[in-house]
PDB file of N, CA and C in Angstrom:
ATOM      1  N   MET A   1     100.899  94.763  90.604  1.00  0.00           N
ATOM      2  CA  MET A   1     100.880  94.741  89.521  1.00  0.00           C
ATOM      3  C   MET A   1      99.925  95.754  89.194  1.00  0.00           C
ATOM      4  N   ALA A   2      99.612  97.350  88.666  1.00  0.00           N
ATOM      5  CA  ALA A   2      98.164  97.983  88.541  1.00  0.00           C
ATOM      6  C   ALA A   2      96.930  96.644  88.146  1.00  0.00           C
ATOM      7  N   GLU A   3      96.269  97.556  88.757  1.00  0.00           N
ATOM      8  CA  GLU A   3      95.021  97.235  88.100  1.00  0.00           C
ATOM      9  C   GLU A   3      94.521  97.521  87.247  1.00  0.00           C
ATOM     10  N   GLU A   4      93.473  96.774  86.621  1.00  0.00           N
ATOM     11  CA  GLU A   4      93.578  97.108  85.178  1.00  0.00           C
ATOM     12  C   GLU A   4      92.286  96.804  85.330  1.00  0.00           C
ATOM     13  N   LYS A   5      91.627  97.750  84.855  1.00  0.00           N
ATOM     14  CA  LYS A   5      90.026  97.630  84.578  1.00  0.00           C
ATOM     15  C   LYS A   5      89.384  98.496  83.164  1.00  0.00           C
ATOM     16  N   LEU A   6      88.372  97.236  81.926  1.00  0.00           N
ATOM     17  CA  LEU A   6      88.468  97.430  80.327  1.00  0.00           C
ATOM     18  C   LEU A   6      87.300  98.730  80.723  1.00  0.00           C
ATOM     19  N   ILE A   7      87.534  99.376  79.786  1.00  0.00           N
ATOM     20  CA  ILE A   7      87.230 100.779  80.240  1.00  0.00           C
ATOM     21  C   ILE A   7      86.787 101.335  78.896  1.00  0.00           C
ATOM     22  N   GLY A   8      86.440 100.854  77.721  1.00  0.00           N
ATOM     23  CA  GLY A   8      86.422 100.539  75.849  1.00  0.00           C
ATOM     24  C   GLY A   8      87.498 100.145  75.192  1.00  0.00           C
ATOM     25  N   LYS A   9      86.549 100.446  73.917  1.00  0.00           N
ATOM     26  CA  LYS A   9      87.565  99.478  72.341  1.00  0.00           C
ATOM     27  C   LYS A   9      87.713 101.160  71.791  1.00  0.00           C
ATOM     28  N   VAL A  10      89.052 100.423  70.697  1.00  0.00           N
ATOM     29  CA  VAL A  10      88.646 101.612  69.949  1.00  0.00           C
ATOM     30  C   VAL A  10      87.785 101.448  68.911  1.00  0.00           C
ATOM     31  N   THR A  11      87.242 102.249  68.397  1.00  0.00           N
ATOM     32  CA  THR A  11      86.313 101.893  66.949  1.00  0.00           C
ATOM     33  C   THR A  11      87.355 101.819  65.424  1.00  0.00           C
ATOM     34  N   HIS A  12      88.000 103.642  66.285  1.00  0.00           N
ATOM     35  CA  HIS A  12      88.801 103.954  64.758  1.00  0.00           C
ATOM     36  C   HIS A  12      90.077 104.856  65.312  1.00  0.00           C
ATOM     37  N   TYR A  13      91.087 104.387  64.147  1.00  0.00           N
ATOM     38  CA  TYR A  13      92.546 105.049  64.281  1.00  0.00           C
ATOM     39  C   TYR A  13      92.767 106.319  63.344  1.00  0.00           C
ATOM     40  N   TYR A  14      92.857 107.198  63.179  1.00  0.00           N
ATOM     41  CA  TYR A  14      93.077 108.849  62.282  1.00  0.00           C
ATOM     42  C   TYR A  14      94.787 108.365  62.572  1.00  0.00           C
ATOM     43  N   GLY A  15      95.965 107.960  61.325  1.00  0.00           N
ATOM     44  CA  GLY A  15      97.052 108.227  61.363  1.00  0.00           C
ATOM     45  C   GLY A  15      97.928 108.837  61.905  1.00  0.00           C
ATOM     46  N   GLN A  16      97.411 110.715  61.307  1.00  0.00           N
ATOM     47  CA  GLN A  16      97.347 111.532  60.900  1.00  0.00           C
ATOM     48  C   GLN A  16      95.989 112.738  61.650  1.00  0.00           C
ATOM     49  N   PRO A  17      96.284 113.065  62.613  1.00  0.00           N
ATOM     50  CA  PRO A  17      97.430 113.444  64.097  1.00  0.00           C
ATOM     51  C   PRO A  17      97.749 111.571  64.656  1.00  0.00           C
ATOM     52  N   GLY A  18      96.848 110.534  64.729  1.00  0.00           N
ATOM     53  CA  GLY A  18      97.178 109.947  65.898  1.00  0.00           C
ATOM     54  C   GLY A  18      96.639 109.892  66.840  1.00  0.00           C
ATOM     55  N   VAL A  19      95.005 109.827  66.342  1.00  0.00           N
ATOM     56  CA  VAL A  19      94.594 110.215  66.882  1.00  0.00           C
ATOM     57  C   VAL A  19      93.301 108.900  67.180  1.00  0.00           C
ATOM     58  N   ALA A  20      93.161 107.836  68.811  1.00  0.00           N
ATOM     59  CA  ALA A  20      92.262 106.738  68.789  1.00  0.00           C
ATOM     60  C   ALA A  20      90.949 107.512  69.279  1.00  0.00           C
ATOM     61  N   ILE A  21      90.093 106.713  68.633  1.00  0.00           N
ATOM     62  CA  ILE A  21      88.193 106.668  69.271  1.00  0.00           C
ATOM     63  C   ILE A  21      88.731 105.866  69.955  1.00  0.00           C
ATOM     64  N   ILE A  22      87.990 105.998  70.916  1.00  0.00           N
ATOM     65  CA  ILE A  22      87.651 105.323  71.838  1.00  0.00           C
ATOM     66  C   ILE A  22      85.998 105.316  72.222  1.00  0.00           C
ATOM     67  N   ALA A  23      84.752 104.208  71.795  1.00  0.00           N
ATOM     68  CA  ALA A  23      83.660 104.041  72.576  1.00  0.00           C
ATOM     69  C   ALA A  23      83.964 104.012  74.409  1.00  0.00           C
ATOM     70  N   LEU A  24      83.058 104.266  75.174  1.00  0.00           N
ATOM     71  CA  LEU A  24      83.805 104.306  76.711  1.00  0.00           C
ATOM     72  C   LEU A  24      82.525 103.353  77.391  1.00  0.00           C
ATOM     73  N   ALA A  25      83.451 102.775  77.930  1.00  0.00           N
ATOM     74  CA  ALA A  25      82.391 101.689  78.549  1.00  0.00           C
ATOM     75  C   ALA A  25      81.971 102.298  80.075  1.00  0.00           C
ATOM     76  N   ASP A  26      82.854 103.229  80.835  1.00  0.00           N
ATOM     77  CA  ASP A  26      83.109 103.470  82.027  1.00  0.00           C
ATOM     78  C   ASP A  26      83.638 105.196  81.820  1.00  0.00           C
ATOM     79  N   VAL A  27      83.527 105.623  82.758  1.00  0.00           N
ATOM     80  CA  VAL A  27      83.740 107.142  82.781  1.00  0.00           C
ATOM     81  C   VAL A  27      85.399 107.658  82.156  1.00  0.00           C
ATOM     82  N   LEU A  28      86.109 108.398  81.946  1.00  0.00           N
ATOM     83  CA  LEU A  28      88.027 108.399  81.869  1.00  0.00           C
ATOM     84  C   LEU A  28      88.085 109.838  81.442  1.00  0.00           C
ATOM     85  N   LYS A  29      88.709 110.418  82.704  1.00  0.00           N
ATOM     86  CA  LYS A  29      89.121 111.557  82.588  1.00  0.00           C
ATOM     87  C   LYS A  29      90.801 111.765  82.489  1.00  0.00           C
ATOM     88  N   VAL A  30      90.816 112.835  81.467  1.00  0.00           N
ATOM     89  CA  VAL A  30      92.300 113.574  81.372  1.00  0.00           C
ATOM     90  C   VAL A  30      93.142 113.037  82.743  1.00  0.00           C
ATOM     91  N   GLY A  31      94.427 112.900  82.722  1.00  0.00           N
ATOM     92  CA  GLY A  31      95.251 112.842  83.366  1.00  0.00           C
ATOM     93  C   GLY A  31      95.109 110.694  84.426  1.00  0.00           C
ATOM     94  N   GLN A  32      94.349 110.232  83.284  1.00  0.00           N
ATOM     95  CA  GLN A  32      94.538 109.010  84.061  1.00  0.00           C
ATOM     96  C   GLN A  32      95.149 108.384  82.931  1.00  0.00           C
ATOM     97  N   THR A  33      95.723 107.376  83.553  1.00  0.00           N
ATOM     98  CA  THR A  33      96.688 106.160  82.577  1.00  0.00           C
ATOM     99  C   THR A  33      95.979 104.610  82.243  1.00  0.00           C
ATOM    100  N   VAL A  34      95.859 104.729  80.825  1.00  0.00           N
ATOM    101  CA  VAL A  34      95.021 103.379  80.027  1.00  0.00           C
ATOM    102  C   VAL A  34      96.275 102.560  79.058  1.00  0.00           C
ATOM    103  N   ARG A  35      95.532 101.274  78.778  1.00  0.00           N
ATOM    104  CA  ARG A  35      96.610 100.693  78.419  1.00  0.00           C
ATOM    105  C   ARG A  35      96.070 100.487  77.346  1.00  0.00           C
ATOM    106  N   PHE A  36      96.275 100.315  76.038  1.00  0.00           N
ATOM    107  CA  PHE A  36      96.161  99.586  74.876  1.00  0.00           C
ATOM    108  C   PHE A  36      96.653  98.449  74.543  1.00  0.00           C
ATOM    109  N   LYS A  37      95.284  97.751  74.048  1.00  0.00           N
ATOM    110  CA  LYS A  37      95.925  95.923  73.596  1.00  0.00           C
ATOM    111  C   LYS A  37      95.115  95.333  72.823  1.00  0.00           C
ATOM    112  N   GLY A  38      95.758  95.440  72.243  1.00  0.00           N
ATOM    113  CA  GLY A  38      95.386  94.050  71.026  1.00  0.00           C
ATOM    114  C   GLY A  38      95.867  93.341  70.295  1.00  0.00           C
ATOM    115  N   ALA A  39      95.523  92.155  69.263  1.00  0.00           N
ATOM    116  CA  ALA A  39      96.992  91.840  69.065  1.00  0.00           C
ATOM    117  C   ALA A  39      97.509  91.935  68.337  1.00  0.00           C
ATOM    118  N   SER A  40      98.025  93.183  67.722  1.00  0.00           N
ATOM    119  CA  SER A  40      99.679  93.751  67.433  1.00  0.00           C
ATOM    120  C   SER A  40      99.722  95.196  68.557  1.00  0.00           C
ATOM    121  N   ASP A  41      98.951  95.069  69.192  1.00  0.00           N
ATOM    122  CA  ASP A  41      99.579  96.360  70.434  1.00  0.00           C
ATOM    123  C   ASP A  41      99.639  95.814  71.596  1.00  0.00           C
ATOM    124  N   ASP A  42     100.142  96.724  72.547  1.00  0.00           N
ATOM    125  CA  ASP A  42     100.156  96.526  74.244  1.00  0.00           C
ATOM    126  C   ASP A  42     100.808  97.606  74.163  1.00  0.00           C
ATOM    127  N   PHE A  43     100.592  98.642  75.228  1.00  0.00           N
ATOM    128  CA  PHE A  43     101.082  99.138  75.834  1.00  0.00           C
ATOM    129  C   PHE A  43     100.420 100.843  76.174  1.00  0.00           C
ATOM    130  N   THR A  44     101.272 101.205  77.441  1.00  0.00           N
ATOM    131  CA  THR A  44     100.223 101.841  78.214  1.00  0.00           C
ATOM    132  C   THR A  44     100.881 103.374  78.309  1.00  0.00           C
ATOM    133  N   GLN A  45      99.724 103.922  78.350  1.00  0.00           N
ATOM    134  CA  GLN A  45      99.876 105.854  78.195  1.00  0.00           C
ATOM    135  C   GLN A  45      99.290 107.022  79.299  1.00  0.00           C
ATOM    136  N   ASN A  46      99.492 107.928  79.401  1.00  0.00           N
ATOM    137  CA  ASN A  46      99.042 108.676  80.607  1.00  0.00           C
ATOM    138  C   ASN A  46      98.010 109.563  79.572  1.00  0.00           C
ATOM    139  N   ILE A  47      96.616 109.910  79.258  1.00  0.00           N
ATOM    140  CA  ILE A  47      95.036 110.688  78.793  1.00  0.00           C
ATOM    141  C   ILE A  47      95.281 112.338  79.066  1.00  0.00           C
ATOM    142  N   SER A  48      96.619 112.528  77.707  1.00  0.00           N
ATOM    143  CA  SER A  48      97.179 113.670  78.299  1.00  0.00           C
ATOM    144  C   SER A  48      95.957 115.244  77.468  1.00  0.00           C
ATOM    145  N   GLN A  49      95.657 114.598  76.277  1.00  0.00           N
ATOM    146  CA  GLN A  49      94.276 115.257  75.753  1.00  0.00           C
ATOM    147  C   GLN A  49      92.928 114.702  75.462  1.00  0.00           C
ATOM    148  N   MET A  50      91.632 115.201  75.377  1.00  0.00           N
ATOM    149  CA  MET A  50      90.411 113.974  74.785  1.00  0.00           C
ATOM    150  C   MET A  50      89.326 115.331  74.576  1.00  0.00           C
ATOM    151  N   GLN A  51      88.809 114.689  73.341  1.00  0.00           N
ATOM    152  CA  GLN A  51      87.380 115.455  72.952  1.00  0.00           C
ATOM    153  C   GLN A  51      86.230 114.805  72.217  1.00  0.00           C
ATOM    154  N   PHE A  52      85.369 115.486  72.458  1.00  0.00           N
ATOM    155  CA  PHE A  52      84.062 115.024  72.000  1.00  0.00           C
ATOM    156  C   PHE A  52      83.769 116.171  70.900  1.00  0.00           C
ATOM    157  N   GLU A  53      83.384 115.117  70.162  1.00  0.00           N
ATOM    158  CA  GLU A  53      82.575 116.147  68.922  1.00  0.00           C
ATOM    159  C   GLU A  53      83.863 117.468  68.731  1.00  0.00           C
ATOM    160  N   HIS A  54      85.087 117.127  68.892  1.00  0.00           N
ATOM    161  CA  HIS A  54      86.213 118.329  68.342  1.00  0.00           C
ATOM    162  C   HIS A  54      86.140 119.305  68.897  1.00  0.00           C
ATOM    163  N   LYS A  55      85.289 119.063  70.263  1.00  0.00           N
ATOM    164  CA  LYS A  55      86.086 120.157  71.803  1.00  0.00           C
ATOM    165  C   LYS A  55      86.678 119.662  72.443  1.00  0.00           C
ATOM    166  N   ASP A  56      87.540 120.539  73.260  1.00  0.00           N
ATOM    167  CA  ASP A  56      88.419 119.407  74.111  1.00  0.00           C
ATOM    168  C   ASP A  56      87.422 119.037  75.390  1.00  0.00           C
ATOM    169  N   ILE A  57      87.601 117.892  76.066  1.00  0.00           N
ATOM    170  CA  ILE A  57      87.010 117.622  77.153  1.00  0.00           C
ATOM    171  C   ILE A  57      87.749 117.226  78.177  1.00  0.00           C
ATOM    172  N   ILE A  58      87.897 117.036  80.072  1.00  0.00           N
ATOM    173  CA  ILE A  58      88.094 117.516  80.687  1.00  0.00           C
ATOM    174  C   ILE A  58      87.427 114.611  81.468  1.00  0.00           C
ATOM    175  N   GLU A  59      86.567 114.889  80.643  1.00  0.00           N
ATOM    176  CA  GLU A  59      86.294 114.081  81.058  1.00  0.00           C
ATOM    177  C   GLU A  59      84.890 113.136  79.998  1.00  0.00           C
ATOM    178  N   GLY A  60      84.935 112.042  79.711  1.00  0.00           N
ATOM    179  CA  GLY A  60      84.181 110.976  78.893  1.00  0.00           C
ATOM    180  C   GLY A  60      83.583 109.849  79.455  1.00  0.00           C
ATOM    181  N   LYS A  61      81.996 110.852  79.275  1.00  0.00           N
ATOM    182  CA  LYS A  61      81.090 110.063  80.626  1.00  0.00           C
ATOM    183  C   LYS A  61      80.735 108.632  79.433  1.00  0.00           C
ATOM    184  N   LYS A  62      80.273 107.423  80.005  1.00  0.00           N
ATOM    185  CA  LYS A  62      80.403 105.953  79.733  1.00  0.00           C
ATOM    186  C   LYS A  62      79.133 106.449  78.562  1.00  0.00           C
ATOM    187  N   GLY A  63      79.046 105.434  77.566  1.00  0.00           N
ATOM    188  CA  GLY A  63      78.909 105.755  76.539  1.00  0.00           C
ATOM    189  C   GLY A  63      78.743 106.829  74.900  1.00  0.00           C
ATOM    190  N   GLN A  64      80.168 107.503  75.138  1.00  0.00           N
ATOM    191  CA  GLN A  64      80.138 108.444  74.923  1.00  0.00           C
ATOM    192  C   GLN A  64      81.731 108.357  73.578  1.00  0.00           C
ATOM    193  N   GLU A  65      81.504 108.073  72.627  1.00  0.00           N
ATOM    194  CA  GLU A  65      83.267 107.736  71.620  1.00  0.00           C
ATOM    195  C   GLU A  65      84.176 109.225  71.389  1.00  0.00           C
ATOM    196  N   VAL A  66      85.702 109.380  71.968  1.00  0.00           N
ATOM    197  CA  VAL A  66      85.433 110.268  73.028  1.00  0.00           C
ATOM    198  C   VAL A  66      87.026 109.932  71.543  1.00  0.00           C
ATOM    199  N   GLY A  67      87.538 110.926  71.530  1.00  0.00           N
ATOM    200  CA  GLY A  67      89.069 111.318  70.563  1.00  0.00           C
ATOM    201  C   GLY A  67      90.401 111.401  71.578  1.00  0.00           C
ATOM    202  N   VAL A  68      91.349 110.097  72.114  1.00  0.00           N
ATOM    203  CA  VAL A  68      92.015 110.784  72.631  1.00  0.00           C
ATOM    204  C   VAL A  68      93.984 110.835  71.474  1.00  0.00           C
ATOM    205  N   LYS A  69      95.174 111.638  72.445  1.00  0.00           N
ATOM    206  CA  LYS A  69      96.120 111.463  71.004  1.00  0.00           C
ATOM    207  C   LYS A  69      96.675 109.998  71.792  1.00  0.00           C
ATOM    208  N   ALA A  70      97.118 109.039  70.783  1.00  0.00           N
ATOM    209  CA  ALA A  70      97.766 107.732  71.042  1.00  0.00           C
ATOM    210  C   ALA A  70      98.954 108.075  70.414  1.00  0.00           C
ATOM    211  N   ASP A  71     100.139 107.296  71.563  1.00  0.00           N
ATOM    212  CA  ASP A  71     101.473 107.758  71.569  1.00  0.00           C
ATOM    213  C   ASP A  71     102.169 106.746  70.302  1.00  0.00           C
ATOM    214  N   GLN A  72     101.209 105.807  70.573  1.00  0.00           N
ATOM    215  CA  GLN A  72     101.811 104.477  68.907  1.00  0.00           C
ATOM    216  C   GLN A  72     100.250 104.622  68.550  1.00  0.00           C
ATOM    217  N   LYS A  73     100.960 103.598  67.304  1.00  0.00           N
ATOM    218  CA  LYS A  73      99.982 104.014  66.595  1.00  0.00           C
ATOM    219  C   LYS A  73      98.277 102.394  67.256  1.00  0.00           C
ATOM    220  N   VAL A  74      97.375 102.607  67.151  1.00  0.00           N
ATOM    221  CA  VAL A  74      96.435 101.647  67.336  1.00  0.00           C
ATOM    222  C   VAL A  74      95.117 100.688  65.923  1.00  0.00           C
ATOM    223  N   HIS A  75      94.808  99.920  66.695  1.00  0.00           N
ATOM    224  CA  HIS A  75      93.925  99.124  66.104  1.00  0.00           C
ATOM    225  C   HIS A  75      92.524  99.234  65.923  1.00  0.00           C
ATOM    226  N   GLU A  76      91.563  99.326  65.058  1.00  0.00           N
ATOM    227  CA  GLU A  76      90.341  98.885  65.534  1.00  0.00           C
ATOM    228  C   GLU A  76      90.189  98.313  66.549  1.00  0.00           C
ATOM    229  N   ASN A  77      88.856  98.105  67.580  1.00  0.00           N
ATOM    230  CA  ASN A  77      88.374  96.870  68.385  1.00  0.00           C
ATOM    231  C   ASN A  77      89.980  96.521  69.713  1.00  0.00           C
ATOM    232  N   ASP A  78      90.996  97.032  69.170  1.00  0.00           N
ATOM    233  CA  ASP A  78      91.308  97.320  70.462  1.00  0.00           C
ATOM    234  C   ASP A  78      91.204  97.359  71.803  1.00  0.00           C
ATOM    235  N   GLU A  79      91.583  96.908  72.571  1.00  0.00           N
ATOM    236  CA  GLU A  79      90.623  96.897  73.944  1.00  0.00           C
ATOM    237  C   GLU A  79      91.380  98.033  74.883  1.00  0.00           C
ATOM    238  N   VAL A  80      90.832  99.144  75.782  1.00  0.00           N
ATOM    239  CA  VAL A  80      91.514 100.663  76.273  1.00  0.00           C
ATOM    240  C   VAL A  80      91.208  99.831  77.904  1.00  0.00           C
ATOM    241  N   TYR A  81      91.777  99.792  78.292  1.00  0.00           N
ATOM    242  CA  TYR A  81      91.865  99.960  80.107  1.00  0.00           C
ATOM    243  C   TYR A  81      92.990 100.704  80.935  1.00  0.00           C
ATOM    244  N   LEU A  82      91.677 101.088  81.948  1.00  0.00           N
ATOM    245  CA  LEU A  82      91.823 102.125  82.757  1.00  0.00           C
ATOM    246  C   LEU A  82      92.494 101.889  84.129  1.00  0.00           C
ATOM    247  N   VAL A  83      94.118 101.383  84.108  1.00  0.00           N
ATOM    248  CA  VAL A  83      95.213 102.031  85.016  1.00  0.00           C
ATOM    249  C   VAL A  83      95.393 102.173  86.667  1.00  0.00           C
ATOM    250  N   GLU A  84      95.016 101.371  87.224  1.00  0.00           N
ATOM    251  CA  GLU A  84      94.667 101.826  88.236  1.00  0.00           C
ATOM    252  C   GLU A  84      96.017 101.659  89.691  1.00  0.00           C
TER     253      GLU A  84
END
């Protein structure tokens, strides 16, 4: 099984357009795979797009809050794991 590392936490979710705001505890790059895990959510997806302050970025840094397109609905305080 793939190794998982806690990389952040969901601070907000926008239903339209399906964007999760993640407070990063480590670096996250476009193209990496993450797992959203919470009380009612548990799924894995690839990060296809990421934004910081409404601008497209390819890498989010520790301490930033970034927006990523979520494949499914997520909730505040869901944990986000990097799947390696």
